[in-house]
Amino acid sequence: MYVKSVSREKFLKSSFKEASRINDLFLVKDNTMSIKGSHVVGSSVQKYLYESTNRKLEEVFKNLLLEGCIRSETISGGCGDLTFSLAVNLFIHLSKKVKFCHPKDINTLLENKEKEWIKIISDNRTLLNEVNFKKLLKSYFKDAEVRNFVKEIIKVSGCDNSIFINKSNKLMSSIKRDSGFIFNIAIDKNIKNQIKTTKKKSPNIIVIDGIIEKTSDIHHILEKSSELGESFIIFCRDIKEEALHTILINLMRETIDVIPISVGLDENTLNILNDISICCDAELVSSLKGDLISSSLDKAGQIEKIEIFDKKIIVYNRFSSKSVDSQIRYLKSKSRQFLRESSTNESLLSKELIDNRIKALSSNKVEVNIGTYFQNKDNLIVEKIDSFLRLITASGTHGVIETNFKLHTLDDFDQIVLNSFRENSVISTIGSAHTIKITMSLLKNLFSIGTCLLNE
């Protein structure tokens, strides 16, 4: 491996060229881009994200810039593009002065400007009301039917539900509210036919990351169910014919209440047993940890209720909320990581798998399926609805800023910030404050770089 050293001057010169190129190519209004044929995006950040580059030095600037934009977008819809525009234009502006300023002076300037703009944002904050809500809605959606549909989503979802938006091949769009942890796995048809009820209250849950080879592996579970009359659900990779047949015969005789569910092993179920164990408060039984299936009772969990359908199961367990929330936070960080790397098909697929796991672990959720009727009206409809709903969620808690406010004194720096803010008539308070903080931090990092080391 060859390591190349690049001076500060060369890095800033290269970054200035890249920022100027971004300004010319990506900060252009109403310029959608088709990605790999069918995938269309309207966000400036996404356009730049999907652009592949082999230029090592420019890639350093790109990665730092995108990291800041993605962080902003997770806070409030639309703030990724706001950070993108603001950071690029301020970097171009400050780069012209860098020859005449010491890095510490630029650092001081950015710190002072951050404080000034946080105060400006605080002073101009207002609560989200019907007037600025309608203004926001019209700025996102020109079509009245789409606006009414978005209002219906907000009405159905309320304040405490996660919203997942998908494209649908059906003509009309739909909104469905679900509770419980939903996992798309099928149960053996013969077992399903022998179950008296598909709803089990207070069942014991055993999760085995392995294959049940023979009946003796689970004899202790069958025995306990028979003696105490308790319900057991066993999740595993696979179960061999001998053990499955034994369970089936005993179900027919009504001597046990044990349901085995095999999840298989593919890219969609690779981590599903870990997620199931978390939402069921059960410890994962794994040979990698030296566990034996024969001692799995010690690691069982108990949930409130489970519903079993042909191709999915729904777990209800409100007591697992802390561990599930922790897992979701971890998965969201992984999703953002794959988003930063999404110029490759592998990263896009990995992000999709992670997002599906997040959906399964979200117990209170609203699933919105956008039909072809709305898709034909606007090929960016899914992206716009997702961004708008995240903006409204952030604004409902922290308020908004109407960007037509006036400032008595303006220098060139302030004018750039104001122009970037005014690309939207209304922005969220929390989103704009974090945009300022993230942008100033990004610029301080860029201008404080001394020597840049590149792997060739």
Protein backbone atom coordinates (compact mmCIF):
# COMPACT_ATOMS: atom_id res chain seq x y z
CA MET A 1 0.00 0.00 0.00
CA TYR A 2 1.32 3.42 -1.04
CA VAL A 3 0.50 6.45 1.15
CA LYS A 4 0.61 9.87 -0.45
CA SER A 5 0.96 13.10 1.54
CA VAL A 6 -0.95 16.17 0.35
CA SER A 7 -0.31 19.67 1.70
CA ARG A 8 -3.02 21.88 3.21
CA GLU A 9 -2.81 24.31 0.30
CA LYS A 10 -3.29 21.58 -2.30
CA PHE A 11 -6.18 20.05 -0.36
CA LEU A 12 -8.00 23.39 -0.02
CA LYS A 13 -7.39 24.19 -3.70
CA SER A 14 -8.81 20.81 -4.74
CA SER A 15 -11.78 21.21 -2.37
CA PHE A 16 -12.49 24.69 -3.74
CA LYS A 17 -12.66 23.27 -7.28
CA GLU A 18 -14.98 20.50 -6.07
CA ALA A 19 -17.23 22.99 -4.23
CA SER A 20 -17.39 25.18 -7.36
CA ARG A 21 -18.31 22.13 -9.45
CA ILE A 22 -21.05 21.22 -6.98
CA ASN A 23 -22.39 24.75 -7.15
CA ASP A 24 -22.59 24.61 -10.94
CA LEU A 25 -23.96 21.07 -11.31
CA PHE A 26 -25.95 20.14 -8.20
CA LEU A 27 -27.26 23.36 -6.65
CA VAL A 28 -29.68 23.87 -9.54
CA LYS A 29 -33.42 24.00 -8.97
CA ASP A 30 -35.88 21.67 -10.76
CA ASN A 31 -33.20 19.41 -12.15
CA THR A 32 -34.10 15.79 -11.41
CA MET A 33 -31.76 12.95 -12.17
CA SER A 34 -32.48 9.36 -13.13
CA ILE A 35 -30.31 6.86 -11.31
CA LYS A 36 -29.78 3.46 -12.90
CA GLY A 37 -32.85 3.78 -15.09
CA SER A 38 -35.83 3.69 -12.74
CA HIS A 39 -34.55 5.33 -9.56
CA VAL A 40 -35.29 9.06 -9.72
CA VAL A 41 -34.21 11.57 -7.08
CA GLY A 42 -34.78 15.29 -6.69
CA SER A 43 -32.59 16.02 -3.67
CA SER A 44 -29.27 17.73 -4.43
CA VAL A 45 -27.60 15.65 -1.75
CA GLN A 46 -28.83 12.40 -3.26
CA LYS A 47 -27.70 13.39 -6.74
CA TYR A 48 -24.22 14.08 -5.42
CA LEU A 49 -24.30 10.95 -3.26
CA TYR A 50 -25.00 8.68 -6.21
CA GLU A 51 -22.29 10.23 -8.36
CA SER A 52 -19.26 7.92 -8.40
CA THR A 53 -15.76 9.40 -8.31
CA ASN A 54 -12.25 8.02 -8.52
CA ARG A 55 -10.61 11.26 -7.46
CA LYS A 56 -9.07 10.47 -4.06
CA LEU A 57 -8.54 14.04 -2.90
CA GLU A 58 -12.03 15.21 -3.87
CA GLU A 59 -13.43 12.13 -2.14
CA VAL A 60 -12.14 13.40 1.23
CA PHE A 61 -14.13 16.61 0.76
CA LYS A 62 -17.16 14.65 -0.50
CA ASN A 63 -17.22 12.26 2.47
CA LEU A 64 -16.97 15.06 5.03
CA LEU A 65 -19.69 17.07 3.27
CA LEU A 66 -22.08 14.14 2.93
CA GLU A 67 -21.55 13.09 6.55
CA GLY A 68 -22.79 16.53 7.67
CA CYS A 69 -25.73 16.54 5.23
CA ILE A 70 -26.94 13.09 6.28
CA ARG A 71 -26.76 14.05 9.96
CA SER A 72 -28.87 17.15 9.24
CA GLU A 73 -31.44 15.22 7.21
CA THR A 74 -32.01 12.74 10.04
CA ILE A 75 -33.00 15.65 12.30
CA SER A 76 -35.57 17.25 9.97
CA GLY A 77 -36.77 16.68 6.43
CA GLY A 78 -35.13 19.01 3.88
CA CYS A 79 -32.22 19.97 6.13
CA GLY A 80 -29.80 17.76 4.22
CA ASP A 81 -30.20 19.94 1.13
CA LEU A 82 -30.08 23.08 3.28
CA THR A 83 -26.75 22.00 4.81
CA PHE A 84 -25.47 21.04 1.35
CA SER A 85 -26.21 24.48 -0.11
CA LEU A 86 -25.02 26.40 2.94
CA ALA A 87 -21.77 24.47 3.44
CA VAL A 88 -20.76 24.61 -0.24
CA ASN A 89 -21.45 28.34 -0.64
CA LEU A 90 -19.78 29.29 2.64
CA PHE A 91 -16.75 27.15 1.80
CA ILE A 92 -16.38 28.93 -1.56
CA HIS A 93 -16.75 32.30 0.17
CA LEU A 94 -14.21 31.56 2.91
CA SER A 95 -11.74 29.89 0.53
CA LYS A 96 -11.23 33.21 -1.20
CA LYS A 97 -10.10 34.69 2.12
CA VAL A 98 -7.99 31.83 3.39
CA LYS A 99 -4.74 33.19 1.96
CA PHE A 100 -5.10 36.32 4.06
CA CYS A 101 -6.34 34.67 7.27
CA HIS A 102 -4.78 32.44 9.87
CA PRO A 103 -6.79 29.19 10.47
CA LYS A 104 -7.46 30.33 14.04
CA ASP A 105 -9.10 33.52 12.70
CA ILE A 106 -11.44 31.47 10.50
CA ASN A 107 -12.22 29.27 13.48
CA THR A 108 -13.07 32.30 15.62
CA LEU A 109 -15.24 33.76 12.83
CA LEU A 110 -17.20 30.52 12.50
CA GLU A 111 -17.72 30.23 16.27
CA ASN A 112 -19.02 33.80 16.47
CA LYS A 113 -21.30 33.33 13.47
CA GLU A 114 -22.71 30.14 14.95
CA LYS A 115 -23.68 31.98 18.15
CA GLU A 116 -25.19 34.89 16.19
CA TRP A 117 -27.30 32.66 13.96
CA ILE A 118 -28.52 30.43 16.78
CA LYS A 119 -29.81 33.62 18.45
CA ILE A 120 -31.40 34.80 15.18
CA ILE A 121 -33.15 31.44 14.83
CA SER A 122 -34.35 31.58 18.44
CA ASP A 123 -35.62 35.16 18.05
CA ASN A 124 -37.61 34.34 14.90
CA ARG A 125 -39.07 31.03 16.07
CA THR A 126 -42.83 30.55 16.01
CA LEU A 127 -45.14 27.63 16.71
CA LEU A 128 -46.39 25.50 13.84
CA ASN A 129 -49.92 26.74 13.12
CA GLU A 130 -52.56 26.19 10.44
CA VAL A 131 -51.28 29.06 8.28
CA ASN A 132 -47.63 28.01 8.05
CA PHE A 133 -48.67 24.33 7.86
CA LYS A 134 -50.70 25.08 4.72
CA LYS A 135 -47.80 27.11 3.36
CA LEU A 136 -45.45 24.19 3.89
CA LEU A 137 -47.92 21.73 2.40
CA LYS A 138 -48.39 23.80 -0.76
CA SER A 139 -44.65 24.35 -1.16
CA TYR A 140 -44.13 20.56 -1.22
CA PHE A 141 -47.23 19.42 -3.14
CA LYS A 142 -48.93 21.34 -5.93
CA ASP A 143 -51.68 18.74 -6.43
CA ALA A 144 -54.75 19.06 -4.16
CA GLU A 145 -55.41 15.29 -4.11
CA VAL A 146 -51.87 14.61 -2.90
CA ARG A 147 -52.21 17.31 -0.22
CA ASN A 148 -55.41 15.71 1.08
CA PHE A 149 -53.73 12.29 1.14
CA VAL A 150 -50.78 13.66 3.13
CA LYS A 151 -53.16 15.25 5.64
CA GLU A 152 -54.87 11.87 6.01
CA ILE A 153 -51.49 10.21 6.74
CA ILE A 154 -50.87 12.74 9.52
CA LYS A 155 -54.37 12.20 10.91
CA VAL A 156 -54.00 8.40 10.98
CA SER A 157 -50.42 8.31 12.27
CA GLY A 158 -50.81 10.66 15.23
CA CYS A 159 -47.72 11.56 17.26
CA ASP A 160 -46.34 8.23 18.52
CA ASN A 161 -46.17 6.07 15.40
CA SER A 162 -43.29 5.41 13.05
CA ILE A 163 -44.21 5.96 9.38
CA PHE A 164 -42.89 3.79 6.56
CA ILE A 165 -43.51 4.80 2.96
CA ASN A 166 -43.34 2.36 0.05
CA LYS A 167 -44.14 2.32 -3.64
CA SER A 168 -47.00 0.05 -4.66
CA ASN A 169 -47.95 -1.51 -7.98
CA LYS A 170 -51.63 -1.03 -7.17
CA LEU A 171 -53.48 1.92 -8.68
CA MET A 172 -54.67 3.56 -5.48
CA SER A 173 -52.66 4.43 -2.38
CA SER A 174 -53.36 3.06 1.09
CA ILE A 175 -52.63 3.82 4.75
CA LYS A 176 -52.45 0.97 7.26
CA ARG A 177 -51.84 1.24 10.99
CA ASP A 178 -50.17 -1.71 12.73
CA SER A 179 -49.09 -2.55 16.25
CA GLY A 180 -46.70 -5.26 17.35
CA PHE A 181 -43.40 -6.49 15.93
CA ILE A 182 -44.09 -7.97 12.49
CA PHE A 183 -41.76 -10.61 11.02
CA ASN A 184 -42.37 -11.97 7.53
CA ILE A 185 -41.76 -15.67 8.09
CA ALA A 186 -43.99 -18.62 7.23
CA ILE A 187 -44.98 -21.51 9.48
CA ASP A 188 -45.10 -25.15 8.38
CA LYS A 189 -48.56 -25.83 6.90
CA ASN A 190 -49.04 -29.13 8.76
CA ILE A 191 -48.24 -27.46 12.08
CA LYS A 192 -50.53 -24.53 11.24
CA ASN A 193 -53.43 -26.92 10.55
CA GLN A 194 -53.07 -28.46 14.02
CA ILE A 195 -53.05 -25.16 15.94
CA LYS A 196 -56.39 -24.52 17.63
CA THR A 197 -55.92 -20.77 17.74
CA THR A 198 -53.51 -18.48 15.90
CA LYS A 199 -53.44 -16.12 18.91
CA LYS A 200 -51.41 -17.21 21.92
CA LYS A 201 -51.42 -15.26 25.18
CA SER A 202 -48.34 -15.25 27.43
CA PRO A 203 -46.39 -17.89 25.48
CA ASN A 204 -42.80 -18.80 26.36
CA ILE A 205 -40.37 -17.92 23.57
CA ILE A 206 -37.19 -19.87 22.78
CA VAL A 207 -34.89 -18.59 20.04
CA ILE A 208 -32.28 -21.01 18.69
CA ASP A 209 -29.69 -19.87 16.16
CA GLY A 210 -29.21 -23.38 14.83
CA ILE A 211 -30.90 -26.54 13.56
CA ILE A 212 -32.96 -28.86 15.73
CA GLU A 213 -31.54 -32.19 14.56
CA LYS A 214 -33.54 -34.68 16.67
CA THR A 215 -36.35 -34.96 19.16
CA SER A 216 -33.95 -35.38 22.10
CA ASP A 217 -32.73 -31.79 21.52
CA ILE A 218 -36.13 -30.42 22.56
CA HIS A 219 -37.41 -33.26 24.77
CA HIS A 220 -37.19 -31.03 27.88
CA ILE A 221 -39.40 -28.40 26.22
CA LEU A 222 -42.02 -30.96 25.12
CA GLU A 223 -42.01 -32.48 28.60
CA LYS A 224 -42.52 -29.17 30.38
CA SER A 225 -45.33 -28.15 28.02
CA SER A 226 -47.04 -31.50 28.62
CA GLU A 227 -46.65 -31.43 32.42
CA LEU A 228 -47.51 -27.76 33.06
CA GLY A 229 -49.77 -27.04 30.08
CA GLU A 230 -47.62 -24.05 29.06
CA SER A 231 -47.35 -22.65 25.52
CA PHE A 232 -43.96 -22.60 23.81
CA ILE A 233 -42.94 -20.99 20.52
CA ILE A 234 -39.57 -22.19 19.22
CA PHE A 235 -37.83 -20.06 16.60
CA CYS A 236 -34.93 -21.79 14.86
CA ARG A 237 -33.04 -21.95 11.58
CA ASP A 238 -34.53 -25.34 10.67
CA ILE A 239 -36.01 -28.43 12.28
CA LYS A 240 -35.42 -31.93 10.98
CA GLU A 241 -38.24 -34.32 10.02
CA GLU A 242 -37.99 -36.54 13.12
CA ALA A 243 -38.44 -33.68 15.61
CA LEU A 244 -41.12 -32.00 13.46
CA HIS A 245 -43.09 -35.26 13.19
CA THR A 246 -42.94 -35.80 16.98
CA ILE A 247 -44.33 -32.31 17.61
CA LEU A 248 -47.04 -32.82 14.98
CA ILE A 249 -48.22 -36.14 16.48
CA ASN A 250 -48.38 -34.64 19.98
CA LEU A 251 -50.28 -31.59 18.70
CA MET A 252 -52.83 -33.91 17.12
CA ARG A 253 -53.16 -35.74 20.46
CA GLU A 254 -53.40 -32.37 22.26
CA THR A 255 -50.73 -33.42 24.77
CA ILE A 256 -48.47 -30.39 24.16
CA ASP A 257 -48.71 -26.76 23.06
CA VAL A 258 -45.41 -26.27 21.20
CA ILE A 259 -45.10 -24.46 17.86
CA PRO A 260 -41.81 -24.60 15.94
CA ILE A 261 -41.12 -21.81 13.43
CA SER A 262 -38.21 -22.23 11.02
CA VAL A 263 -36.85 -18.96 9.63
CA GLY A 264 -34.33 -20.43 7.18
CA LEU A 265 -31.07 -18.76 6.21
CA ASP A 266 -30.86 -16.15 3.47
CA GLU A 267 -30.03 -12.45 3.21
CA ASN A 268 -33.47 -11.51 4.58
CA THR A 269 -33.33 -13.79 7.64
CA LEU A 270 -29.61 -13.64 8.44
CA ASN A 271 -30.17 -11.48 11.56
CA ILE A 272 -33.86 -12.12 12.16
CA LEU A 273 -33.34 -14.47 15.14
CA ASN A 274 -31.30 -11.82 16.94
CA ASP A 275 -34.09 -9.26 16.38
CA ILE A 276 -36.78 -11.73 17.52
CA SER A 277 -34.83 -12.52 20.70
CA ILE A 278 -34.56 -8.80 21.50
CA CYS A 279 -38.26 -8.04 21.11
CA CYS A 280 -39.19 -11.21 23.05
CA ASP A 281 -36.73 -10.62 25.92
CA ALA A 282 -35.28 -14.07 25.22
CA GLU A 283 -31.59 -14.86 25.22
CA LEU A 284 -30.36 -16.18 21.88
CA VAL A 285 -29.27 -19.84 22.10
CA SER A 286 -26.18 -20.14 19.90
CA SER A 287 -23.49 -22.76 19.49
CA LEU A 288 -21.05 -19.90 18.83
CA LYS A 289 -21.42 -19.02 22.52
CA GLY A 290 -21.13 -22.66 23.58
CA ASP A 291 -24.87 -23.00 24.25
CA LEU A 292 -26.66 -26.34 24.07
CA ILE A 293 -30.20 -26.62 22.70
CA SER A 294 -30.94 -29.04 25.53
CA SER A 295 -30.46 -26.20 28.06
CA SER A 296 -32.51 -23.62 26.13
CA LEU A 297 -35.26 -23.37 28.75
CA ASP A 298 -32.94 -21.28 30.92
CA LYS A 299 -32.80 -18.65 28.16
CA ALA A 300 -36.53 -18.48 27.38
CA GLY A 301 -38.50 -15.25 27.41
CA GLN A 302 -42.20 -14.61 27.87
CA ILE A 303 -44.29 -12.13 25.87
CA GLU A 304 -47.81 -10.72 26.15
CA LYS A 305 -49.19 -12.24 22.97
CA ILE A 306 -48.29 -13.65 19.55
CA GLU A 307 -50.39 -13.90 16.39
CA ILE A 308 -49.49 -16.47 13.73
CA PHE A 309 -50.51 -16.09 10.09
CA ASP A 310 -49.57 -18.01 6.95
CA LYS A 311 -46.66 -15.77 5.99
CA LYS A 312 -46.03 -13.56 9.02
CA ILE A 313 -46.03 -13.54 12.79
CA ILE A 314 -46.79 -10.58 15.07
CA VAL A 315 -45.20 -10.31 18.51
CA TYR A 316 -46.70 -8.09 21.23
CA ASN A 317 -44.36 -7.27 24.11
CA ARG A 318 -44.34 -3.73 25.50
CA PHE A 319 -41.84 -4.70 28.22
CA SER A 320 -39.01 -4.98 25.66
CA SER A 321 -39.17 -1.30 24.67
CA LYS A 322 -35.74 -0.25 26.04
CA SER A 323 -33.77 -3.04 24.38
CA VAL A 324 -35.71 -2.62 21.13
CA ASP A 325 -35.11 1.15 21.11
CA SER A 326 -31.39 0.52 21.59
CA GLN A 327 -31.35 -1.95 18.68
CA ILE A 328 -33.24 0.48 16.43
CA ARG A 329 -30.75 3.27 17.20
CA TYR A 330 -27.91 0.93 16.26
CA LEU A 331 -29.64 -0.12 13.02
CA LYS A 332 -30.34 3.50 12.07
CA SER A 333 -26.64 4.33 12.45
CA LYS A 334 -25.84 1.36 10.17
CA SER A 335 -28.45 2.56 7.68
CA ARG A 336 -26.83 6.01 7.55
CA GLN A 337 -23.45 4.36 7.01
CA PHE A 338 -24.78 2.39 4.02
CA LEU A 339 -26.46 5.54 2.72
CA ARG A 340 -23.08 7.29 2.62
CA GLU A 341 -21.74 4.35 0.60
CA SER A 342 -24.81 3.98 -1.62
CA SER A 343 -23.02 4.58 -4.92
CA THR A 344 -22.73 0.76 -5.12
CA ASN A 345 -25.55 -1.77 -5.58
CA GLU A 346 -24.26 -3.78 -2.60
CA SER A 347 -24.60 -0.79 -0.25
CA LEU A 348 -28.11 0.00 -1.52
CA LEU A 349 -29.16 -3.62 -0.91
CA SER A 350 -27.59 -3.62 2.57
CA LYS A 351 -29.42 -0.39 3.45
CA GLU A 352 -32.72 -1.88 2.27
CA LEU A 353 -32.20 -4.97 4.46
CA ILE A 354 -31.37 -2.78 7.48
CA ASP A 355 -34.45 -0.58 6.87
CA ASN A 356 -36.65 -3.69 6.74
CA ARG A 357 -35.26 -4.79 10.12
CA ILE A 358 -36.06 -1.34 11.56
CA LYS A 359 -39.61 -1.64 10.23
CA ALA A 360 -40.04 -5.08 11.85
CA LEU A 361 -38.79 -3.76 15.21
CA SER A 362 -41.10 -0.71 15.18
CA SER A 363 -44.10 -1.88 17.20
CA ASN A 364 -46.38 1.09 16.52
CA LYS A 365 -46.22 1.98 12.86
CA VAL A 366 -48.15 3.33 9.93
CA GLU A 367 -47.40 1.80 6.54
CA VAL A 368 -48.15 4.05 3.58
CA ASN A 369 -48.24 2.46 0.13
CA ILE A 370 -48.11 4.98 -2.70
CA GLY A 371 -50.06 3.72 -5.72
CA THR A 372 -49.32 4.29 -9.40
CA TYR A 373 -52.01 6.99 -9.62
CA PHE A 374 -49.94 9.33 -7.43
CA GLN A 375 -46.61 8.07 -8.79
CA ASN A 376 -47.68 9.08 -12.31
CA LYS A 377 -48.57 12.55 -11.08
CA ASP A 378 -45.09 13.04 -9.55
CA ASN A 379 -42.21 10.56 -9.87
CA LEU A 380 -40.64 12.08 -6.73
CA ILE A 381 -43.79 11.63 -4.63
CA VAL A 382 -42.34 9.07 -2.19
CA GLU A 383 -39.25 11.17 -1.51
CA LYS A 384 -41.36 14.32 -1.01
CA ILE A 385 -43.87 12.71 1.36
CA ASP A 386 -41.08 11.18 3.45
CA SER A 387 -39.24 14.52 3.71
CA PHE A 388 -42.42 16.47 4.49
CA LEU A 389 -43.54 14.12 7.27
CA ARG A 390 -40.13 14.25 8.95
CA LEU A 391 -40.20 18.05 8.68
CA ILE A 392 -43.67 18.22 10.28
CA THR A 393 -42.60 15.87 13.10
CA ALA A 394 -39.61 18.09 13.93
CA SER A 395 -41.68 21.29 13.58
CA GLY A 396 -44.56 20.07 15.73
CA THR A 397 -42.21 19.73 18.71
CA HIS A 398 -39.86 22.69 18.26
CA GLY A 399 -41.69 25.14 16.01
CA VAL A 400 -40.76 26.73 12.69
CA ILE A 401 -39.11 29.79 11.18
CA GLU A 402 -40.72 31.77 8.39
CA THR A 403 -37.68 32.83 6.39
CA ASN A 404 -38.97 36.23 5.30
CA PHE A 405 -37.59 37.80 8.51
CA LYS A 406 -35.33 40.85 8.15
CA LEU A 407 -31.87 41.54 9.54
CA HIS A 408 -30.70 45.11 10.15
CA THR A 409 -27.02 44.47 9.44
CA LEU A 410 -25.76 41.97 6.89
CA ASP A 411 -22.28 41.06 5.77
CA ASP A 412 -21.45 38.68 2.91
CA PHE A 413 -21.40 35.67 5.25
CA ASP A 414 -24.85 36.47 6.66
CA GLN A 415 -26.26 37.04 3.18
CA ILE A 416 -25.18 33.54 2.11
CA VAL A 417 -26.87 32.00 5.17
CA LEU A 418 -30.03 34.02 4.59
CA ASN A 419 -30.15 33.10 0.89
CA SER A 420 -29.82 29.41 1.74
CA PHE A 421 -32.59 29.66 4.35
CA ARG A 422 -34.87 31.46 1.89
CA GLU A 423 -34.73 28.60 -0.59
CA ASN A 424 -37.65 27.43 1.60
CA SER A 425 -40.44 29.71 2.86
CA VAL A 426 -40.73 27.80 6.15
CA ILE A 427 -38.11 25.61 7.88
CA SER A 428 -38.09 23.79 11.21
CA THR A 429 -36.43 25.50 14.17
CA ILE A 430 -34.55 22.42 15.33
CA GLY A 431 -33.48 21.61 11.76
CA SER A 432 -32.15 25.09 11.03
CA ALA A 433 -30.29 25.28 14.36
CA HIS A 434 -28.60 21.92 13.74
CA THR A 435 -27.85 22.95 10.15
CA ILE A 436 -25.93 25.95 11.46
CA LYS A 437 -24.07 23.87 14.06
CA ILE A 438 -23.21 21.05 11.66
CA THR A 439 -22.16 23.43 8.87
CA MET A 440 -19.88 25.46 11.13
CA SER A 441 -18.33 22.29 12.55
CA LEU A 442 -17.78 20.94 9.01
CA LEU A 443 -16.11 24.18 7.86
CA LYS A 444 -13.87 24.30 10.93
CA ASN A 445 -12.76 20.74 10.21
CA LEU A 446 -12.05 21.49 6.54
CA PHE A 447 -10.02 24.63 7.19
CA SER A 448 -8.10 23.11 10.10
CA ILE A 449 -6.72 20.19 8.04
CA GLY A 450 -2.93 20.34 7.98
CA THR A 451 -1.63 17.46 5.91
CA CYS A 452 -3.89 14.99 4.14
CA LEU A 453 -2.77 11.34 3.82
CA LEU A 454 -4.21 9.32 0.93
CA ASN A 455 -4.04 5.59 0.27
CA GLU A 456 -3.07 5.07 -3.34
